[in-house]
C-alpha atoms as a PDB file:
ATOM      1  CA  MET A   1       0.252   0.572   0.322  1.00  0.00           C
ATOM      2  CA  LYS A   2       3.060   2.363   0.766  1.00  0.00           C
ATOM      3  CA  ASN A   3       4.452   1.405  -2.850  1.00  0.00           C
ATOM      4  CA  ASN A   4       1.139   2.249  -4.222  1.00  0.00           C
ATOM      5  CA  MET A   5       0.320   5.578  -2.536  1.00  0.00           C
ATOM      6  CA  THR A   6       4.242   6.657  -3.074  1.00  0.00           C
ATOM      7  CA  PHE A   7       3.676   6.232  -6.891  1.00  0.00           C
ATOM      8  CA  ILE A   8      -0.122   7.305  -7.273  1.00  0.00           C
ATOM      9  CA  LEU A   9       2.062  10.718  -5.235  1.00  0.00           C
ATOM     10  CA  LEU A  10       4.914  10.681  -7.531  1.00  0.00           C
ATOM     11  CA  ILE A  11       2.774  10.482 -10.547  1.00  0.00           C
ATOM     12  CA  SER A  12       0.807  13.233  -9.552  1.00  0.00           C
ATOM     13  CA  LEU A  13       3.842  15.441  -8.763  1.00  0.00           C
ATOM     14  CA  ILE A  14       4.921  14.865 -12.321  1.00  0.00           C
ATOM     15  CA  ILE A  15       2.109  15.626 -13.973  1.00  0.00           C
ATOM     16  CA  LEU A  16       1.311  18.611 -11.913  1.00  0.00           C
ATOM     17  CA  LEU A  17       4.709  19.889 -12.571  1.00  0.00           C
ATOM     18  CA  ARG A  18       4.141  19.301 -16.305  1.00  0.00           C
ATOM     19  CA  ILE A  19       0.897  21.172 -16.386  1.00  0.00           C
ATOM     20  CA  GLY A  20       2.929  24.182 -14.121  1.00  0.00           C
ATOM     21  CA  GLU A  21       5.512  24.136 -17.337  1.00  0.00           C
ATOM     22  CA  LEU A  22       3.145  24.019 -19.912  1.00  0.00           C
ATOM     23  CA  ILE A  23       1.016  27.102 -18.480  1.00  0.00           C
ATOM     24  CA  LEU A  24       4.933  29.144 -17.580  1.00  0.00           C
ATOM     25  CA  SER A  25       5.647  28.286 -21.425  1.00  0.00           C
ATOM     26  CA  LYS A  26       2.615  29.741 -22.759  1.00  0.00           C
ATOM     27  CA  ARG A  27       2.701  32.749 -20.430  1.00  0.00           C
ATOM     28  CA  ASN A  28       6.267  33.501 -21.532  1.00  0.00           C
ATOM     29  CA  GLU A  29       5.342  32.912 -25.304  1.00  0.00           C
ATOM     30  CA  LYS A  30       2.991  35.706 -25.351  1.00  0.00           C
ATOM     31  CA  TRP A  31       6.150  37.600 -23.882  1.00  0.00           C
ATOM     32  CA  LEU A  32       8.134  36.443 -26.455  1.00  0.00           C
ATOM     33  CA  LEU A  33       6.122  36.925 -29.630  1.00  0.00           C
ATOM     34  CA  GLN A  34       5.164  40.605 -28.216  1.00  0.00           C
ATOM     35  CA  ASN A  35       8.894  41.123 -28.308  1.00  0.00           C
ATOM     36  CA  GLY A  36       9.385  39.938 -31.478  1.00  0.00           C
ATOM     37  CA  ALA A  37      10.311  36.354 -31.222  1.00  0.00           C
ATOM     38  CA  ILE A  38       9.959  34.065 -34.149  1.00  0.00           C
ATOM     39  CA  GLU A  39       9.299  30.697 -33.155  1.00  0.00           C
ATOM     40  CA  TYR A  40      11.078  27.383 -35.118  1.00  0.00           C
ATOM     41  CA  GLY A  41      10.467  23.684 -34.657  1.00  0.00           C
ATOM     42  CA  GLN A  42       7.068  23.642 -35.649  1.00  0.00           C
ATOM     43  CA  LYS A  43       7.200  20.517 -36.967  1.00  0.00           C
ATOM     44  CA  HIS A  44       8.664  18.131 -34.379  1.00  0.00           C
ATOM     45  CA  TYR A  45       6.842  20.125 -31.671  1.00  0.00           C
ATOM     46  CA  PRO A  46       3.858  18.103 -31.333  1.00  0.00           C
ATOM     47  CA  LEU A  47       5.867  14.374 -31.218  1.00  0.00           C
ATOM     48  CA  ILE A  48       7.931  15.731 -28.026  1.00  0.00           C
ATOM     49  CA  VAL A  49       4.250  16.527 -25.881  1.00  0.00           C
ATOM     50  CA  ALA A  50       3.110  13.271 -27.445  1.00  0.00           C
ATOM     51  CA  LEU A  51       6.039  11.549 -26.465  1.00  0.00           C
ATOM     52  CA  HIS A  52       5.614  13.055 -22.719  1.00  0.00           C
ATOM     53  CA  VAL A  53       1.815  11.970 -22.351  1.00  0.00           C
ATOM     54  CA  LEU A  54       3.021   8.630 -23.608  1.00  0.00           C
ATOM     55  CA  PHE A  55       5.773   8.681 -20.400  1.00  0.00           C
ATOM     56  CA  ILE A  56       2.926   8.840 -18.317  1.00  0.00           C
ATOM     57  CA  ILE A  57       1.293   6.635 -19.649  1.00  0.00           C
ATOM     58  CA  SER A  58       3.311   4.137 -20.103  1.00  0.00           C
ATOM     59  CA  LEU A  59       4.346   4.913 -16.298  1.00  0.00           C
ATOM     60  CA  ILE A  60       0.861   4.332 -14.812  1.00  0.00           C
ATOM     61  CA  ILE A  61       0.629   0.869 -17.289  1.00  0.00           C
ATOM     62  CA  GLU A  62       3.527  -0.699 -16.498  1.00  0.00           C
ATOM     63  CA  TYR A  63       2.762   0.115 -12.781  1.00  0.00           C
ATOM     64  CA  SER A  64      -0.331  -1.371 -12.740  1.00  0.00           C
ATOM     65  CA  ILE A  65       0.897  -4.350 -14.499  1.00  0.00           C
ATOM     66  CA  LYS A  66       3.504  -5.231 -11.644  1.00  0.00           C
ATOM     67  CA  ARG A  67       1.666  -4.354  -9.217  1.00  0.00           C
ATOM     68  CA  THR A  68       3.088  -3.682  -6.096  1.00  0.00           C
ATOM     69  CA  VAL A  69       6.600  -2.853  -6.985  1.00  0.00           C
ATOM     70  CA  PRO A  70       8.726  -1.351  -4.269  1.00  0.00           C
ATOM     71  CA  TYR A  71      10.799   2.264  -4.907  1.00  0.00           C
ATOM     72  CA  ASN A  72      14.507   3.071  -5.070  1.00  0.00           C
ATOM     73  CA  SER A  73      14.406   5.239  -1.694  1.00  0.00           C
ATOM     74  CA  PHE A  74      17.881   6.544  -3.504  1.00  0.00           C
ATOM     75  CA  LEU A  75      16.669   7.394  -6.838  1.00  0.00           C
ATOM     76  CA  LEU A  76      13.370   9.210  -5.256  1.00  0.00           C
ATOM     77  CA  VAL A  77      15.890  11.382  -3.741  1.00  0.00           C
ATOM     78  CA  SER A  78      17.775  11.515  -6.557  1.00  0.00           C
ATOM     79  CA  TYR A  79      14.865  13.098  -8.829  1.00  0.00           C
ATOM     80  CA  ILE A  80      13.536  15.446  -6.332  1.00  0.00           C
ATOM     81  CA  SER A  81      17.280  16.846  -6.217  1.00  0.00           C
ATOM     82  CA  LEU A  82      17.232  16.950 -10.009  1.00  0.00           C
ATOM     83  CA  LEU A  83      14.121  19.510  -9.950  1.00  0.00           C
ATOM     84  CA  VAL A  84      16.248  21.571  -7.883  1.00  0.00           C
ATOM     85  CA  PHE A  85      18.548  21.781 -11.343  1.00  0.00           C
ATOM     86  CA  LYS A  86      15.300  22.337 -13.245  1.00  0.00           C
ATOM     87  CA  THR A  87      14.369  25.127 -11.311  1.00  0.00           C
ATOM     88  CA  TRP A  88      17.254  26.701 -11.475  1.00  0.00           C
ATOM     89  CA  VAL A  89      17.274  26.420 -15.426  1.00  0.00           C
ATOM     90  CA  ILE A  90      13.683  27.772 -15.333  1.00  0.00           C
ATOM     91  CA  LEU A  91      15.021  30.757 -13.288  1.00  0.00           C
ATOM     92  CA  SER A  92      18.194  31.399 -15.143  1.00  0.00           C
ATOM     93  CA  LEU A  93      16.297  32.128 -18.340  1.00  0.00           C
ATOM     94  CA  GLY A  94      13.105  33.660 -17.107  1.00  0.00           C
ATOM     95  CA  LYS A  95      11.241  35.029 -19.462  1.00  0.00           C
ATOM     96  CA  PHE A  96      13.244  33.067 -22.305  1.00  0.00           C
ATOM     97  CA  TRP A  97      12.848  29.218 -20.778  1.00  0.00           C
ATOM     98  CA  ASN A  98       9.797  27.869 -23.255  1.00  0.00           C
ATOM     99  CA  THR A  99       8.743  24.091 -24.225  1.00  0.00           C
ATOM    100  CA  LYS A 100       8.858  25.466 -27.991  1.00  0.00           C
ATOM    101  CA  ILE A 101      12.299  26.871 -29.619  1.00  0.00           C
ATOM    102  CA  TYR A 102      11.545  30.903 -29.441  1.00  0.00           C
ATOM    103  CA  ARG A 103      14.639  33.439 -30.477  1.00  0.00           C
ATOM    104  CA  ILE A 104      14.385  36.870 -30.575  1.00  0.00           C
ATOM    105  CA  ARG A 105      16.749  38.708 -33.253  1.00  0.00           C
ATOM    106  CA  ASN A 106      20.382  40.280 -32.505  1.00  0.00           C
ATOM    107  CA  TYR A 107      19.121  38.986 -28.181  1.00  0.00           C
ATOM    108  CA  PRO A 108      22.674  37.562 -26.815  1.00  0.00           C
ATOM    109  CA  LEU A 109      21.868  33.953 -25.451  1.00  0.00           C
ATOM    110  CA  ILE A 110      21.478  33.739 -21.655  1.00  0.00           C
ATOM    111  CA  LYS A 111      24.686  32.624 -20.332  1.00  0.00           C
ATOM    112  CA  LYS A 112      23.821  32.491 -16.503  1.00  0.00           C
ATOM    113  CA  GLY A 113      23.171  29.588 -14.317  1.00  0.00           C
ATOM    114  CA  LEU A 114      23.829  26.447 -15.509  1.00  0.00           C
ATOM    115  CA  TYR A 115      24.238  28.055 -19.218  1.00  0.00           C
ATOM    116  CA  ARG A 116      27.493  29.281 -17.837  1.00  0.00           C
ATOM    117  CA  TYR A 117      28.584  25.644 -18.318  1.00  0.00           C
ATOM    118  CA  PHE A 118      26.803  23.596 -20.455  1.00  0.00           C
ATOM    119  CA  LYS A 119      24.735  24.574 -23.698  1.00  0.00           C
ATOM    120  CA  HIS A 120      21.762  22.881 -23.112  1.00  0.00           C
ATOM    121  CA  PRO A 121      21.390  21.704 -19.613  1.00  0.00           C
ATOM    122  CA  ASN A 122      17.298  21.755 -19.883  1.00  0.00           C
ATOM    123  CA  TYR A 123      18.250  18.676 -21.817  1.00  0.00           C
ATOM    124  CA  MET A 124      20.553  16.926 -20.046  1.00  0.00           C
ATOM    125  CA  ILE A 125      17.544  17.541 -17.484  1.00  0.00           C
ATOM    126  CA  VAL A 126      15.532  15.831 -19.306  1.00  0.00           C
ATOM    127  CA  VAL A 127      17.195  13.003 -20.227  1.00  0.00           C
ATOM    128  CA  ILE A 128      18.158  12.061 -16.405  1.00  0.00           C
ATOM    129  CA  GLU A 129      14.487  12.263 -15.652  1.00  0.00           C
ATOM    130  CA  ILE A 130      13.662   9.682 -17.781  1.00  0.00           C
ATOM    131  CA  ALA A 131      15.530   7.748 -17.167  1.00  0.00           C
ATOM    132  CA  VAL A 132      15.853   7.763 -13.581  1.00  0.00           C
ATOM    133  CA  ILE A 133      11.830   8.142 -12.711  1.00  0.00           C
ATOM    134  CA  PRO A 134      10.479   4.518 -14.517  1.00  0.00           C
ATOM    135  CA  LEU A 135      13.643   3.501 -12.613  1.00  0.00           C
ATOM    136  CA  ILE A 136      12.316   4.476  -9.176  1.00  0.00           C
ATOM    137  CA  PHE A 137       9.415   2.451  -9.446  1.00  0.00           C
ATOM    138  CA  HIS A 138      12.374  -0.523 -11.230  1.00  0.00           C
ATOM    139  CA  LEU A 139       9.686  -0.215 -14.632  1.00  0.00           C
ATOM    140  CA  TYR A 140      12.493  -1.135 -16.849  1.00  0.00           C
ATOM    141  CA  PHE A 141      10.400  -0.948 -19.856  1.00  0.00           C
ATOM    142  CA  THR A 142       9.480   2.291 -19.865  1.00  0.00           C
ATOM    143  CA  ALA A 143      12.855   3.374 -18.746  1.00  0.00           C
ATOM    144  CA  ALA A 144      14.586   2.276 -21.988  1.00  0.00           C
ATOM    145  CA  ILE A 145      11.899   2.846 -24.375  1.00  0.00           C
ATOM    146  CA  PHE A 146      11.510   6.103 -23.593  1.00  0.00           C
ATOM    147  CA  THR A 147      15.308   6.788 -23.369  1.00  0.00           C
ATOM    148  CA  LEU A 148      15.817   5.502 -26.616  1.00  0.00           C
ATOM    149  CA  PHE A 149      12.697   7.835 -28.037  1.00  0.00           C
ATOM    150  CA  ASN A 150      14.054  10.629 -26.325  1.00  0.00           C
ATOM    151  CA  ALA A 151      17.486  10.690 -27.660  1.00  0.00           C
ATOM    152  CA  ILE A 152      16.244  10.282 -30.909  1.00  0.00           C
ATOM    153  CA  MET A 153      13.604  13.401 -30.042  1.00  0.00           C
ATOM    154  CA  LEU A 154      16.281  15.204 -28.568  1.00  0.00           C
ATOM    155  CA  SER A 155      18.766  14.494 -31.712  1.00  0.00           C
ATOM    156  CA  VAL A 156      16.292  16.586 -33.768  1.00  0.00           C
ATOM    157  CA  ARG A 157      15.406  19.112 -30.900  1.00  0.00           C
ATOM    158  CA  ILE A 158      18.925  20.350 -30.679  1.00  0.00           C
ATOM    159  CA  LYS A 159      19.974  20.198 -34.148  1.00  0.00           C
ATOM    160  CA  GLU A 160      16.819  22.269 -34.931  1.00  0.00           C
ATOM    161  CA  GLU A 161      17.776  24.688 -31.611  1.00  0.00           C
ATOM    162  CA  ASN A 162      21.148  24.788 -32.592  1.00  0.00           C
ATOM    163  CA  LYS A 163      20.789  26.396 -35.850  1.00  0.00           C
ATOM    164  CA  VAL A 164      18.811  28.906 -34.279  1.00  0.00           C
ATOM    165  CA  LEU A 165      21.294  29.832 -32.126  1.00  0.00           C
END
């Protein structure tokens, strides 16, 4: 029962965080467009959304099939810690953080926070999230399949973003 409640709480948290990210992204999108931003990568964006929705569905289905699965406390704490880095990335980009690719011509790139050290820290965090979240509950199928799908998707996404930047 404790494991089921932990799973339900974690999935609920993940869904709420994703919804919050989409709301923030939409708010930032309005500001970006008002300031002359141009959107890029529109063709692959629906695939990113589908990937993340199917990831959550896969987590729920695989967990349901396995029934009561003990959770890994270390990985759970690791995921919660990862949220600190994700928050740092979002705060570093401020109004420029978005789930889509936008660029305001002649505006300098943000070089603070983790962006001082890495070119794409947000994607590094997403890669780790996609692997760690399922592994918290030993959901190896979801971890393997979505790590692969995410790698393919990010290869397209990062190529597009690098062209824009």
